[in-house]
Amino acid sequence: MSPFRPPVPFPILHGMLQKPVTIWYHVFDVLLNIVIIVAIVAVIRTFLVSPFQVEGSSMIDTLENRQYIIINKLAYYLGSPKRGEIVVFRPPNNDHSKHYVKRIIGEPGDEVIIRDGDVLVRKKGTSEETRLQEDYLNDRNKDHTYAGTVGNEEEKRYEVPEDHYFLLGDNRQGSLDSRSFRNTKNEFTPFVPEEDITGRVWFIALPLSKIHVLETPKYGI
């Protein structure tokens, strides 16, 4: 004899009470997902990482024209830029809307000296001048850093103020950098405020044959 099963109350009403899904529901769902995705991307690009394309040859051979690089923005929310790092920043010149990419040479309080084609640094509170060993420079630029035109061996000294940095391109004979920056009044302005440094170049993303992480050199200072 089969066990007794009580009847299910209102077995048909459950299906009848479900409302049909309209096209507007699907439209709203798609739009909501788009908004969420855009917001996530915006947060990532603003505070974490962001892509940039290199323009020009001022960082040859380290970076080449039209390469795509990924910059780490979070690094400078957590700490300050360091000597040797390659950074993306807004230059203190007439076109403040553009971004440049250069290498940090002088930190706040440093004295940067350009002498006989070499770059030397005297840290704040010391008298010792340290010549930077810049192995990342190619043969054309190594030992050929000048304050003015190529071959001008006149010594030049730059005292970096607090919260500012002194930057040079790796293509020392073809780079618009702290040796030549001028502000909107055409006044010589060699130093970049920390607040104008957007992020540290993390790695080269494209072309695929050039993908690699950029390491910060150790100068022993």
Protein backbone atom coordinates (compact mmCIF):
# COMPACT_ATOMS: atom_id res chain seq x y z
CA MET A 1 0.00 0.00 0.00
CA SER A 2 1.46 3.37 -1.01
CA PRO A 3 2.32 5.86 1.77
CA PHE A 4 -0.03 8.75 2.14
CA ARG A 5 1.22 12.05 0.60
CA PRO A 6 -0.67 15.18 1.55
CA PRO A 7 -1.70 17.28 -1.41
CA VAL A 8 0.45 20.35 -2.17
CA PRO A 9 -1.69 23.44 -1.58
CA PHE A 10 -2.24 25.64 -4.60
CA PRO A 11 0.12 23.77 -6.90
CA ILE A 12 -0.67 26.01 -9.85
CA LEU A 13 -0.50 29.46 -8.17
CA HIS A 14 3.31 29.49 -7.77
CA GLY A 15 3.90 29.61 -11.50
CA MET A 16 1.03 32.01 -12.03
CA LEU A 17 2.47 34.55 -9.54
CA GLN A 18 5.84 34.92 -11.37
CA LYS A 19 5.98 38.17 -13.33
CA PRO A 20 7.21 37.98 -16.91
CA VAL A 21 10.70 39.48 -17.49
CA THR A 22 10.45 42.49 -19.81
CA ILE A 23 12.94 43.87 -22.32
CA TRP A 24 13.46 46.91 -20.06
CA TYR A 25 14.73 44.65 -17.32
CA HIS A 26 17.42 43.29 -19.64
CA VAL A 27 18.31 46.80 -20.82
CA PHE A 28 18.67 48.03 -17.25
CA ASP A 29 20.77 44.99 -16.35
CA VAL A 30 23.16 45.62 -19.26
CA LEU A 31 23.47 49.33 -18.46
CA LEU A 32 24.13 48.60 -14.79
CA ASN A 33 26.94 46.20 -15.70
CA ILE A 34 28.47 48.76 -18.07
CA VAL A 35 28.42 51.42 -15.35
CA ILE A 36 30.05 49.05 -12.86
CA ILE A 37 32.77 48.03 -15.35
CA VAL A 38 33.52 51.66 -16.29
CA ALA A 39 33.74 52.62 -12.60
CA ILE A 40 36.14 49.75 -11.87
CA VAL A 41 38.35 50.68 -14.85
CA ALA A 42 38.34 54.35 -13.79
CA VAL A 43 39.44 53.46 -10.25
CA ILE A 44 42.20 51.18 -11.56
CA ARG A 45 43.51 53.83 -14.00
CA THR A 46 43.34 56.60 -11.40
CA PHE A 47 44.85 54.87 -8.38
CA LEU A 48 46.54 51.62 -9.46
CA VAL A 49 47.96 51.20 -12.97
CA SER A 50 47.56 52.93 -16.31
CA PRO A 51 48.87 52.45 -19.88
CA PHE A 52 50.85 55.11 -21.75
CA GLN A 53 52.42 55.29 -25.18
CA VAL A 54 55.95 56.64 -25.50
CA GLU A 55 56.36 59.53 -27.94
CA GLY A 56 59.77 60.48 -29.24
CA SER A 57 63.32 59.25 -28.67
CA SER A 58 64.31 61.00 -25.43
CA MET A 59 64.62 57.69 -23.52
CA ILE A 60 66.50 55.60 -26.12
CA ASP A 61 67.74 52.88 -25.66
CA THR A 62 65.66 52.15 -22.55
CA LEU A 63 62.33 53.13 -24.12
CA GLU A 64 61.58 53.51 -27.82
CA ASN A 65 59.12 55.63 -29.76
CA ARG A 66 55.52 54.25 -29.85
CA GLN A 67 56.14 51.57 -27.25
CA TYR A 68 53.34 50.99 -24.75
CA ILE A 69 54.28 51.08 -21.10
CA ILE A 70 52.35 50.36 -17.91
CA ILE A 71 52.84 52.78 -15.03
CA ASN A 72 52.35 51.97 -11.37
CA LYS A 73 50.42 54.81 -9.71
CA LEU A 74 49.88 53.06 -6.39
CA ALA A 75 53.63 53.16 -5.67
CA TYR A 76 53.55 56.92 -5.14
CA TYR A 77 50.42 56.86 -3.02
CA LEU A 78 52.32 54.56 -0.67
CA GLY A 79 55.78 56.16 -0.97
CA SER A 80 57.90 58.76 -2.76
CA PRO A 81 59.83 58.57 -6.06
CA LYS A 82 63.41 57.32 -5.83
CA ARG A 83 66.59 58.02 -7.75
CA GLY A 84 66.97 55.92 -10.88
CA GLU A 85 63.25 55.27 -11.34
CA ILE A 86 61.68 56.07 -14.71
CA VAL A 87 58.54 58.11 -14.18
CA VAL A 88 55.65 59.69 -16.08
CA PHE A 89 55.02 63.31 -15.08
CA ARG A 90 53.63 66.69 -16.11
CA PRO A 91 56.53 68.98 -17.08
CA PRO A 92 56.81 72.54 -15.72
CA ASN A 93 56.67 74.13 -19.17
CA ASN A 94 54.10 75.88 -21.33
CA ASP A 95 52.29 72.66 -22.26
CA HIS A 96 51.48 71.43 -18.75
CA SER A 97 48.69 69.24 -20.11
CA LYS A 98 51.10 66.72 -21.69
CA HIS A 99 52.95 63.93 -19.92
CA TYR A 100 56.67 63.23 -20.26
CA VAL A 101 58.68 60.16 -19.34
CA LYS A 102 62.20 60.58 -17.87
CA ARG A 103 64.52 59.17 -15.22
CA ILE A 104 64.87 60.62 -11.71
CA ILE A 105 68.45 61.74 -11.06
CA GLY A 106 68.15 64.20 -8.18
CA GLU A 107 66.00 63.77 -5.06
CA PRO A 108 64.90 66.57 -2.70
CA GLY A 109 67.92 68.14 -1.00
CA ASP A 110 70.45 66.78 -3.52
CA GLU A 111 72.90 68.84 -5.49
CA VAL A 112 73.20 67.50 -9.04
CA ILE A 113 76.45 68.39 -10.82
CA ILE A 114 77.06 68.07 -14.55
CA ARG A 115 80.82 68.15 -15.21
CA ASP A 116 82.97 66.95 -18.11
CA GLY A 117 80.12 64.88 -19.53
CA ASP A 118 79.45 63.10 -16.23
CA VAL A 119 76.59 63.36 -13.74
CA LEU A 120 77.50 63.59 -10.05
CA VAL A 121 75.27 63.83 -6.98
CA ARG A 122 76.00 65.33 -3.58
CA LYS A 123 73.41 64.28 -1.03
CA LYS A 124 72.05 66.78 1.47
CA GLY A 125 74.27 67.16 4.53
CA THR A 126 77.37 65.64 2.92
CA SER A 127 80.37 67.01 1.05
CA GLU A 128 81.05 63.90 -1.02
CA GLU A 129 80.24 64.02 -4.71
CA THR A 130 79.35 60.63 -6.21
CA ARG A 131 79.65 60.02 -9.94
CA LEU A 132 76.65 58.06 -11.18
CA GLN A 133 77.46 54.80 -12.93
CA GLU A 134 74.86 54.92 -15.71
CA ASP A 135 75.15 51.61 -17.49
CA TYR A 136 71.73 52.10 -19.12
CA LEU A 137 73.13 54.83 -21.40
CA ASN A 138 74.16 53.76 -24.90
CA ASP A 139 77.63 54.43 -26.34
CA ARG A 140 76.53 57.72 -27.91
CA ASN A 141 75.34 59.15 -24.59
CA LYS A 142 77.57 57.54 -21.99
CA ASP A 143 79.94 60.15 -20.54
CA HIS A 144 78.30 62.76 -22.78
CA THR A 145 75.84 64.57 -20.51
CA TYR A 146 76.09 68.35 -20.91
CA ALA A 147 74.17 71.24 -19.44
CA GLY A 148 73.90 73.01 -22.79
CA THR A 149 74.79 72.14 -26.35
CA VAL A 150 76.76 69.02 -27.21
CA GLY A 151 80.40 69.53 -26.37
CA ASN A 152 79.74 72.30 -23.85
CA GLU A 153 81.75 71.11 -20.88
CA GLU A 154 80.96 74.03 -18.58
CA GLU A 155 80.15 72.78 -15.08
CA LYS A 156 76.55 73.24 -13.95
CA ARG A 157 75.09 72.70 -10.48
CA TYR A 158 71.43 72.21 -9.56
CA GLU A 159 70.26 72.33 -5.93
CA VAL A 160 67.02 70.36 -5.76
CA PRO A 161 64.42 71.98 -3.44
CA GLU A 162 62.22 70.04 -1.05
CA ASP A 163 59.36 68.08 -2.63
CA HIS A 164 60.94 68.46 -6.09
CA TYR A 165 63.00 66.24 -8.41
CA PHE A 166 65.62 66.62 -11.12
CA LEU A 167 65.00 64.41 -14.18
CA LEU A 168 66.99 63.49 -17.27
CA GLY A 169 66.21 61.49 -20.40
CA ASP A 170 68.49 58.55 -21.21
CA ASN A 171 69.12 60.05 -24.65
CA ARG A 172 71.22 62.84 -23.14
CA GLN A 173 71.96 64.47 -26.49
CA GLY A 174 68.31 64.53 -27.56
CA SER A 175 66.13 65.04 -24.50
CA LEU A 176 64.02 67.95 -23.27
CA ASP A 177 64.41 67.57 -19.51
CA SER A 178 65.48 69.37 -16.31
CA ARG A 179 68.38 70.99 -18.17
CA SER A 180 65.97 72.96 -20.36
CA PHE A 181 62.50 73.13 -18.74
CA ARG A 182 60.92 76.60 -18.68
CA ASN A 183 57.65 77.74 -17.13
CA THR A 184 54.84 79.83 -18.67
CA LYS A 185 56.89 83.01 -18.07
CA ASN A 186 59.83 81.50 -19.97
CA GLU A 187 61.81 81.27 -16.74
CA PHE A 188 64.27 78.42 -16.30
CA THR A 189 62.47 75.82 -14.15
CA PRO A 190 64.59 72.67 -13.85
CA PHE A 191 62.72 70.93 -11.03
CA VAL A 192 59.50 68.91 -11.10
CA PRO A 193 57.17 69.00 -8.06
CA GLU A 194 56.40 65.60 -6.55
CA GLU A 195 52.67 66.25 -7.00
CA ASP A 196 53.19 66.40 -10.79
CA ILE A 197 54.74 62.92 -10.95
CA THR A 198 51.97 60.56 -12.06
CA GLY A 199 53.58 57.17 -11.54
CA ARG A 200 56.56 54.87 -11.97
CA VAL A 201 57.08 53.01 -15.23
CA TRP A 202 56.55 49.37 -14.30
CA PHE A 203 57.10 47.44 -17.52
CA ILE A 204 57.00 47.61 -21.31
CA ALA A 205 53.75 46.05 -22.56
CA LEU A 206 54.06 46.36 -26.34
CA PRO A 207 55.52 45.30 -28.70
CA LEU A 208 55.43 41.73 -27.40
CA SER A 209 59.08 41.18 -28.34
CA LYS A 210 60.10 43.95 -25.90
CA ILE A 211 58.02 42.95 -22.86
CA HIS A 212 60.02 43.17 -19.65
CA VAL A 213 59.97 44.77 -16.21
CA LEU A 214 62.17 47.86 -15.80
CA GLU A 215 64.62 47.56 -12.91
CA THR A 216 65.82 50.54 -10.88
CA PRO A 217 69.63 50.91 -10.98
CA LYS A 218 71.63 50.91 -7.75
CA TYR A 219 74.00 53.86 -7.57
CA GLY A 220 75.42 53.11 -4.15
CA ILE A 221 74.62 56.57 -2.80
